[in-house]
PDB file of N, CA and C in Angstrom:
ATOM      1  N   MET A   1       0.859  -1.163   0.000  1.00  0.00           N
ATOM      2  CA  MET A   1       0.000   0.000   0.000  1.00  0.00           C
ATOM      3  C   MET A   1       0.910   1.232   0.000  1.00  0.00           C
ATOM      4  N   ASN A   2       0.710   2.064  -0.991  1.00  0.00           N
ATOM      5  CA  ASN A   2       1.527   3.277  -1.067  1.00  0.00           C
ATOM      6  C   ASN A   2       0.687   4.513  -0.718  1.00  0.00           C
ATOM      7  N   ARG A   3       1.328   5.665  -0.766  1.00  0.00           N
ATOM      8  CA  ARG A   3       0.675   6.916  -0.375  1.00  0.00           C
ATOM      9  C   ARG A   3      -0.592   7.178  -1.191  1.00  0.00           C
ATOM     10  N   GLU A   4      -0.516   6.969  -2.505  1.00  0.00           N
ATOM     11  CA  GLU A   4      -1.675   7.206  -3.364  1.00  0.00           C
ATOM     12  C   GLU A   4      -2.831   6.277  -3.003  1.00  0.00           C
ATOM     13  N   ASP A   5      -2.512   5.033  -2.666  1.00  0.00           N
ATOM     14  CA  ASP A   5      -3.546   4.078  -2.247  1.00  0.00           C
ATOM     15  C   ASP A   5      -4.254   4.572  -0.990  1.00  0.00           C
ATOM     16  N   VAL A   6      -3.459   5.052  -0.025  1.00  0.00           N
ATOM     17  CA  VAL A   6      -4.023   5.541   1.240  1.00  0.00           C
ATOM     18  C   VAL A   6      -4.934   6.732   0.979  1.00  0.00           C
ATOM     19  N   ILE A   7      -4.481   7.662   0.164  1.00  0.00           N
ATOM     20  CA  ILE A   7      -5.284   8.856  -0.139  1.00  0.00           C
ATOM     21  C   ILE A   7      -6.568   8.457  -0.857  1.00  0.00           C
ATOM     22  N   GLN A   8      -6.448   7.563  -1.818  1.00  0.00           N
ATOM     23  CA  GLN A   8      -7.632   7.118  -2.565  1.00  0.00           C
ATOM     24  C   GLN A   8      -8.639   6.424  -1.633  1.00  0.00           C
ATOM     25  N   MET A   9      -8.146   5.583  -0.731  1.00  0.00           N
ATOM     26  CA  MET A   9      -9.052   4.909   0.205  1.00  0.00           C
ATOM     27  C   MET A   9      -9.701   5.906   1.160  1.00  0.00           C
ATOM     28  N   ALA A  10      -8.928   6.894   1.597  1.00  0.00           N
ATOM     29  CA  ALA A  10      -9.481   7.915   2.497  1.00  0.00           C
ATOM     30  C   ALA A  10     -10.587   8.694   1.797  1.00  0.00           C
ATOM     31  N   GLN A  11     -10.366   9.044   0.543  1.00  0.00           N
ATOM     32  CA  GLN A  11     -11.398   9.761  -0.208  1.00  0.00           C
ATOM     33  C   GLN A  11     -12.633   8.885  -0.392  1.00  0.00           C
ATOM     34  N   LYS A  12     -12.416   7.605  -0.674  1.00  0.00           N
ATOM     35  CA  LYS A  12     -13.533   6.673  -0.839  1.00  0.00           C
ATOM     36  C   LYS A  12     -14.321   6.527   0.461  1.00  0.00           C
ATOM     37  N   ALA A  13     -13.610   6.655   1.600  1.00  0.00           N
ATOM     38  CA  ALA A  13     -14.261   6.543   2.906  1.00  0.00           C
ATOM     39  C   ALA A  13     -14.965   7.832   3.311  1.00  0.00           C
ATOM     40  N   GLY A  14     -14.797   8.897   2.521  1.00  0.00           N
ATOM     41  CA  GLY A  14     -15.512  10.123   2.805  1.00  0.00           C
ATOM     42  C   GLY A  14     -14.655  11.278   3.291  1.00  0.00           C
ATOM     43  N   PHE A  15     -13.329  11.089   3.401  1.00  0.00           N
ATOM     44  CA  PHE A  15     -12.469  12.211   3.761  1.00  0.00           C
ATOM     45  C   PHE A  15     -12.505  13.209   2.612  1.00  0.00           C
ATOM     46  N   VAL A  16     -12.803  14.450   2.929  1.00  0.00           N
ATOM     47  CA  VAL A  16     -12.943  15.451   1.886  1.00  0.00           C
ATOM     48  C   VAL A  16     -11.658  16.260   1.743  1.00  0.00           C
ATOM     49  N   TRP A  17     -11.122  16.747   2.848  1.00  0.00           N
ATOM     50  CA  TRP A  17      -9.930  17.568   2.796  1.00  0.00           C
ATOM     51  C   TRP A  17      -8.800  16.826   3.459  1.00  0.00           C
ATOM     52  N   LEU A  18      -7.722  16.602   2.727  1.00  0.00           N
ATOM     53  CA  LEU A  18      -6.598  15.870   3.294  1.00  0.00           C
ATOM     54  C   LEU A  18      -5.430  16.796   3.606  1.00  0.00           C
ATOM     55  N   GLY A  19      -5.241  17.812   2.809  1.00  0.00           N
ATOM     56  CA  GLY A  19      -4.202  18.824   3.037  1.00  0.00           C
ATOM     57  C   GLY A  19      -2.973  18.316   3.751  1.00  0.00           C
ATOM     58  N   GLU A  20      -2.697  18.878   4.928  1.00  0.00           N
ATOM     59  CA  GLU A  20      -1.492  18.549   5.686  1.00  0.00           C
ATOM     60  C   GLU A  20      -1.603  17.233   6.429  1.00  0.00           C
ATOM     61  N   TYR A  21      -2.716  16.562   6.335  1.00  0.00           N
ATOM     62  CA  TYR A  21      -2.926  15.332   7.103  1.00  0.00           C
ATOM     63  C   TYR A  21      -2.409  14.085   6.387  1.00  0.00           C
ATOM     64  N   HIS A  22      -1.815  14.232   5.219  1.00  0.00           N
ATOM     65  CA  HIS A  22      -1.343  13.066   4.474  1.00  0.00           C
ATOM     66  C   HIS A  22      -0.414  12.190   5.303  1.00  0.00           C
ATOM     67  N   SER A  23       0.577  12.781   5.959  1.00  0.00           N
ATOM     68  CA  SER A  23       1.534  11.963   6.706  1.00  0.00           C
ATOM     69  C   SER A  23       0.843  11.264   7.877  1.00  0.00           C
ATOM     70  N   ASN A  24      -0.031  11.959   8.583  1.00  0.00           N
ATOM     71  CA  ASN A  24      -0.752  11.323   9.690  1.00  0.00           C
ATOM     72  C   ASN A  24      -1.667  10.227   9.169  1.00  0.00           C
ATOM     73  N   LEU A  25      -2.276  10.460   8.049  1.00  0.00           N
ATOM     74  CA  LEU A  25      -3.174   9.477   7.461  1.00  0.00           C
ATOM     75  C   LEU A  25      -2.394   8.237   7.047  1.00  0.00           C
ATOM     76  N   GLU A  26      -1.212   8.436   6.488  1.00  0.00           N
ATOM     77  CA  GLU A  26      -0.368   7.298   6.111  1.00  0.00           C
ATOM     78  C   GLU A  26       0.050   6.502   7.349  1.00  0.00           C
ATOM     79  N   ASP A  27       0.413   7.199   8.421  1.00  0.00           N
ATOM     80  CA  ASP A  27       0.784   6.523   9.667  1.00  0.00           C
ATOM     81  C   ASP A  27      -0.397   5.715  10.205  1.00  0.00           C
ATOM     82  N   PHE A  28      -1.578   6.314  10.155  1.00  0.00           N
ATOM     83  CA  PHE A  28      -2.785   5.630  10.611  1.00  0.00           C
ATOM     84  C   PHE A  28      -3.038   4.378   9.776  1.00  0.00           C
ATOM     85  N   ALA A  29      -2.905   4.500   8.454  1.00  0.00           N
ATOM     86  CA  ALA A  29      -3.128   3.359   7.571  1.00  0.00           C
ATOM     87  C   ALA A  29      -2.133   2.237   7.869  1.00  0.00           C
ATOM     88  N   LYS A  30      -0.892   2.593   8.167  1.00  0.00           N
ATOM     89  CA  LYS A  30       0.106   1.582   8.504  1.00  0.00           C
ATOM     90  C   LYS A  30      -0.260   0.860   9.796  1.00  0.00           C
ATOM     91  N   LEU A  31      -0.748   1.596  10.773  1.00  0.00           N
ATOM     92  CA  LEU A  31      -1.161   0.983  12.033  1.00  0.00           C
ATOM     93  C   LEU A  31      -2.348   0.042  11.838  1.00  0.00           C
ATOM     94  N   VAL A  32      -3.297   0.457  11.014  1.00  0.00           N
ATOM     95  CA  VAL A  32      -4.460  -0.396  10.730  1.00  0.00           C
ATOM     96  C   VAL A  32      -4.003  -1.672  10.024  1.00  0.00           C
ATOM     97  N   ALA A  33      -3.120  -1.533   9.046  1.00  0.00           N
ATOM     98  CA  ALA A  33      -2.619  -2.702   8.320  1.00  0.00           C
ATOM     99  C   ALA A  33      -1.853  -3.632   9.257  1.00  0.00           C
ATOM    100  N   GLN A  34      -1.048  -3.061  10.139  1.00  0.00           N
ATOM    101  CA  GLN A  34      -0.289  -3.863  11.100  1.00  0.00           C
ATOM    102  C   GLN A  34      -1.235  -4.633  12.014  1.00  0.00           C
ATOM    103  N   HIS A  35      -2.258  -3.976  12.478  1.00  0.00           N
ATOM    104  CA  HIS A  35      -3.246  -4.615  13.353  1.00  0.00           C
ATOM    105  C   HIS A  35      -3.947  -5.770  12.620  1.00  0.00           C
ATOM    106  N   GLU A  36      -4.317  -5.546  11.382  1.00  0.00           N
ATOM    107  CA  GLU A  36      -5.000  -6.584  10.601  1.00  0.00           C
ATOM    108  C   GLU A  36      -4.071  -7.761  10.316  1.00  0.00           C
ATOM    109  N   ARG A  37      -2.807  -7.476   9.993  1.00  0.00           N
ATOM    110  CA  ARG A  37      -1.849  -8.571   9.778  1.00  0.00           C
ATOM    111  C   ARG A  37      -1.708  -9.427  11.030  1.00  0.00           C
ATOM    112  N   GLU A  38      -1.593  -8.769  12.184  1.00  0.00           N
ATOM    113  CA  GLU A  38      -1.430  -9.519  13.429  1.00  0.00           C
ATOM    114  C   GLU A  38      -2.668 -10.351  13.733  1.00  0.00           C
ATOM    115  N   ALA A  39      -3.846  -9.819  13.462  1.00  0.00           N
ATOM    116  CA  ALA A  39      -5.078 -10.590  13.669  1.00  0.00           C
ATOM    117  C   ALA A  39      -5.097 -11.828  12.768  1.00  0.00           C
ATOM    118  N   CYS A  40      -4.675 -11.671  11.529  1.00  0.00           N
ATOM    119  CA  CYS A  40      -4.618 -12.813  10.606  1.00  0.00           C
ATOM    120  C   CYS A  40      -3.583 -13.831  11.059  1.00  0.00           C
ATOM    121  N   ALA A  41      -2.426 -13.351  11.496  1.00  0.00           N
ATOM    122  CA  ALA A  41      -1.371 -14.243  11.961  1.00  0.00           C
ATOM    123  C   ALA A  41      -1.824 -15.023  13.191  1.00  0.00           C
ATOM    124  N   LYS A  42      -2.590 -14.385  14.066  1.00  0.00           N
ATOM    125  CA  LYS A  42      -3.097 -15.075  15.263  1.00  0.00           C
ATOM    126  C   LYS A  42      -4.057 -16.198  14.888  1.00  0.00           C
ATOM    127  N   VAL A  43      -4.843 -16.007  13.843  1.00  0.00           N
ATOM    128  CA  VAL A  43      -5.715 -17.083  13.357  1.00  0.00           C
ATOM    129  C   VAL A  43      -4.855 -18.268  12.927  1.00  0.00           C
ATOM    130  N   CYS A  44      -3.783 -17.985  12.216  1.00  0.00           N
ATOM    131  CA  CYS A  44      -2.870 -19.058  11.795  1.00  0.00           C
ATOM    132  C   CYS A  44      -2.230 -19.732  13.005  1.00  0.00           C
ATOM    133  N   ASP A  45      -1.868 -18.947  14.021  1.00  0.00           N
ATOM    134  CA  ASP A  45      -1.295 -19.516  15.245  1.00  0.00           C
ATOM    135  C   ASP A  45      -2.255 -20.516  15.881  1.00  0.00           C
ATOM    136  N   VAL A  46      -3.519 -20.142  15.951  1.00  0.00           N
ATOM    137  CA  VAL A  46      -4.534 -21.029  16.531  1.00  0.00           C
ATOM    138  C   VAL A  46      -4.677 -22.284  15.683  1.00  0.00           C
ATOM    139  N   LEU A  47      -4.753 -22.106  14.382  1.00  0.00           N
ATOM    140  CA  LEU A  47      -4.901 -23.255  13.483  1.00  0.00           C
ATOM    141  C   LEU A  47      -3.692 -24.183  13.536  1.00  0.00           C
ATOM    142  N   ALA A  48      -2.526 -23.641  13.836  1.00  0.00           N
ATOM    143  CA  ALA A  48      -1.311 -24.450  13.894  1.00  0.00           C
ATOM    144  C   ALA A  48      -1.390 -25.504  14.987  1.00  0.00           C
ATOM    145  N   TYR A  49      -2.251 -25.303  15.974  1.00  0.00           N
ATOM    146  CA  TYR A  49      -2.385 -26.267  17.073  1.00  0.00           C
ATOM    147  C   TYR A  49      -3.737 -26.974  17.080  1.00  0.00           C
ATOM    148  N   HIS A  50      -4.558 -26.661  16.109  1.00  0.00           N
ATOM    149  CA  HIS A  50      -5.858 -27.320  15.992  1.00  0.00           C
ATOM    150  C   HIS A  50      -5.635 -28.701  15.385  1.00  0.00           C
ATOM    151  N   PRO A  51      -6.206 -29.753  15.983  1.00  0.00           N
ATOM    152  CA  PRO A  51      -5.952 -31.117  15.497  1.00  0.00           C
ATOM    153  C   PRO A  51      -6.245 -31.312  14.009  1.00  0.00           C
ATOM    154  N   GLU A  52      -7.251 -30.644  13.500  1.00  0.00           N
ATOM    155  CA  GLU A  52      -7.643 -30.841  12.105  1.00  0.00           C
ATOM    156  C   GLU A  52      -6.761 -30.060  11.132  1.00  0.00           C
ATOM    157  N   PHE A  53      -6.197 -28.951  11.578  1.00  0.00           N
ATOM    158  CA  PHE A  53      -5.466 -28.069  10.665  1.00  0.00           C
ATOM    159  C   PHE A  53      -3.979 -27.939  10.978  1.00  0.00           C
ATOM    160  N   ALA A  54      -3.522 -28.551  12.050  1.00  0.00           N
ATOM    161  CA  ALA A  54      -2.134 -28.400  12.487  1.00  0.00           C
ATOM    162  C   ALA A  54      -1.164 -28.842  11.393  1.00  0.00           C
ATOM    163  N   SER A  55      -0.251 -27.960  11.076  1.00  0.00           N
ATOM    164  CA  SER A  55       0.791 -28.293  10.100  1.00  0.00           C
ATOM    165  C   SER A  55       1.854 -27.211  10.148  1.00  0.00           C
ATOM    166  N   ASP A  56       2.980 -27.518   9.538  1.00  0.00           N
ATOM    167  CA  ASP A  56       4.028 -26.509   9.431  1.00  0.00           C
ATOM    168  C   ASP A  56       3.569 -25.355   8.543  1.00  0.00           C
ATOM    169  N   ALA A  57       2.659 -25.644   7.618  1.00  0.00           N
ATOM    170  CA  ALA A  57       2.179 -24.608   6.701  1.00  0.00           C
ATOM    171  C   ALA A  57       1.480 -23.486   7.450  1.00  0.00           C
ATOM    172  N   THR A  58       0.687 -23.816   8.463  1.00  0.00           N
ATOM    173  CA  THR A  58      -0.007 -22.756   9.199  1.00  0.00           C
ATOM    174  C   THR A  58       0.982 -21.936  10.021  1.00  0.00           C
ATOM    175  N   LYS A  59       2.031 -22.586  10.547  1.00  0.00           N
ATOM    176  CA  LYS A  59       3.065 -21.848  11.282  1.00  0.00           C
ATOM    177  C   LYS A  59       3.829 -20.928  10.324  1.00  0.00           C
ATOM    178  N   LEU A  60       4.146 -21.450   9.152  1.00  0.00           N
ATOM    179  CA  LEU A  60       4.842 -20.635   8.150  1.00  0.00           C
ATOM    180  C   LEU A  60       3.974 -19.480   7.657  1.00  0.00           C
ATOM    181  N   ALA A  61       2.673 -19.725   7.539  1.00  0.00           N
ATOM    182  CA  ALA A  61       1.760 -18.664   7.106  1.00  0.00           C
ATOM    183  C   ALA A  61       1.765 -17.522   8.118  1.00  0.00           C
ATOM    184  N   ALA A  62       1.724 -17.850   9.405  1.00  0.00           N
ATOM    185  CA  ALA A  62       1.753 -16.813  10.441  1.00  0.00           C
ATOM    186  C   ALA A  62       3.047 -16.017  10.358  1.00  0.00           C
ATOM    187  N   MET A  63       4.159 -16.699  10.164  1.00  0.00           N
ATOM    188  CA  MET A  63       5.451 -16.017  10.055  1.00  0.00           C
ATOM    189  C   MET A  63       5.487 -15.128   8.806  1.00  0.00           C
ATOM    190  N   ALA A  64       4.954 -15.621   7.710  1.00  0.00           N
ATOM    191  CA  ALA A  64       4.954 -14.855   6.460  1.00  0.00           C
ATOM    192  C   ALA A  64       4.079 -13.607   6.574  1.00  0.00           C
ATOM    193  N   ILE A  65       2.934 -13.751   7.221  1.00  0.00           N
ATOM    194  CA  ILE A  65       2.042 -12.603   7.408  1.00  0.00           C
ATOM    195  C   ILE A  65       2.728 -11.541   8.253  1.00  0.00           C
ATOM    196  N   ARG A  66       3.352 -11.966   9.341  1.00  0.00           N
ATOM    197  CA  ARG A  66       4.048 -10.990  10.203  1.00  0.00           C
ATOM    198  C   ARG A  66       5.229 -10.351   9.474  1.00  0.00           C
ATOM    199  N   ALA A  67       5.904 -11.105   8.631  1.00  0.00           N
ATOM    200  CA  ALA A  67       7.061 -10.582   7.898  1.00  0.00           C
ATOM    201  C   ALA A  67       6.668  -9.487   6.909  1.00  0.00           C
ATOM    202  N   ARG A  68       5.443  -9.508   6.427  1.00  0.00           N
ATOM    203  CA  ARG A  68       5.002  -8.475   5.476  1.00  0.00           C
ATOM    204  C   ARG A  68       5.101  -7.085   6.091  1.00  0.00           C
ATOM    205  N   GLY A  69       5.013  -6.981   7.388  1.00  0.00           N
ATOM    206  CA  GLY A  69       5.115  -5.680   8.041  1.00  0.00           C
ATOM    207  C   GLY A  69       6.542  -5.173   8.162  1.00  0.00           C
ATOM    208  N   HIS A  70       7.516  -6.011   7.825  1.00  0.00           N
ATOM    209  CA  HIS A  70       8.919  -5.626   7.970  1.00  0.00           C
ATOM    210  C   HIS A  70       9.603  -5.390   6.633  1.00  0.00           C
ATOM    211  N   SER A  71       8.811  -5.381   5.567  1.00  0.00           N
ATOM    212  CA  SER A  71       9.433  -5.193   4.251  1.00  0.00           C
ATOM    213  C   SER A  71       9.301  -3.771   3.776  1.00  0.00           C
TER     214      SER A  71
END
């Protein structure tokens, strides 16, 4: 997600004037994305120990999801 994506999503959500708020809006978008990644990774963590879904793949998926925030 780049700056233009964030601005476009903000406008789609109803933000009318962005002016000097671009940097704050980008920071907010990064925090929301980080929160969503962690929520997804936690689902994988749970599935990694569920008898029906337990596998190395679910553990790797959680690691891969968390790694997206560090690139």
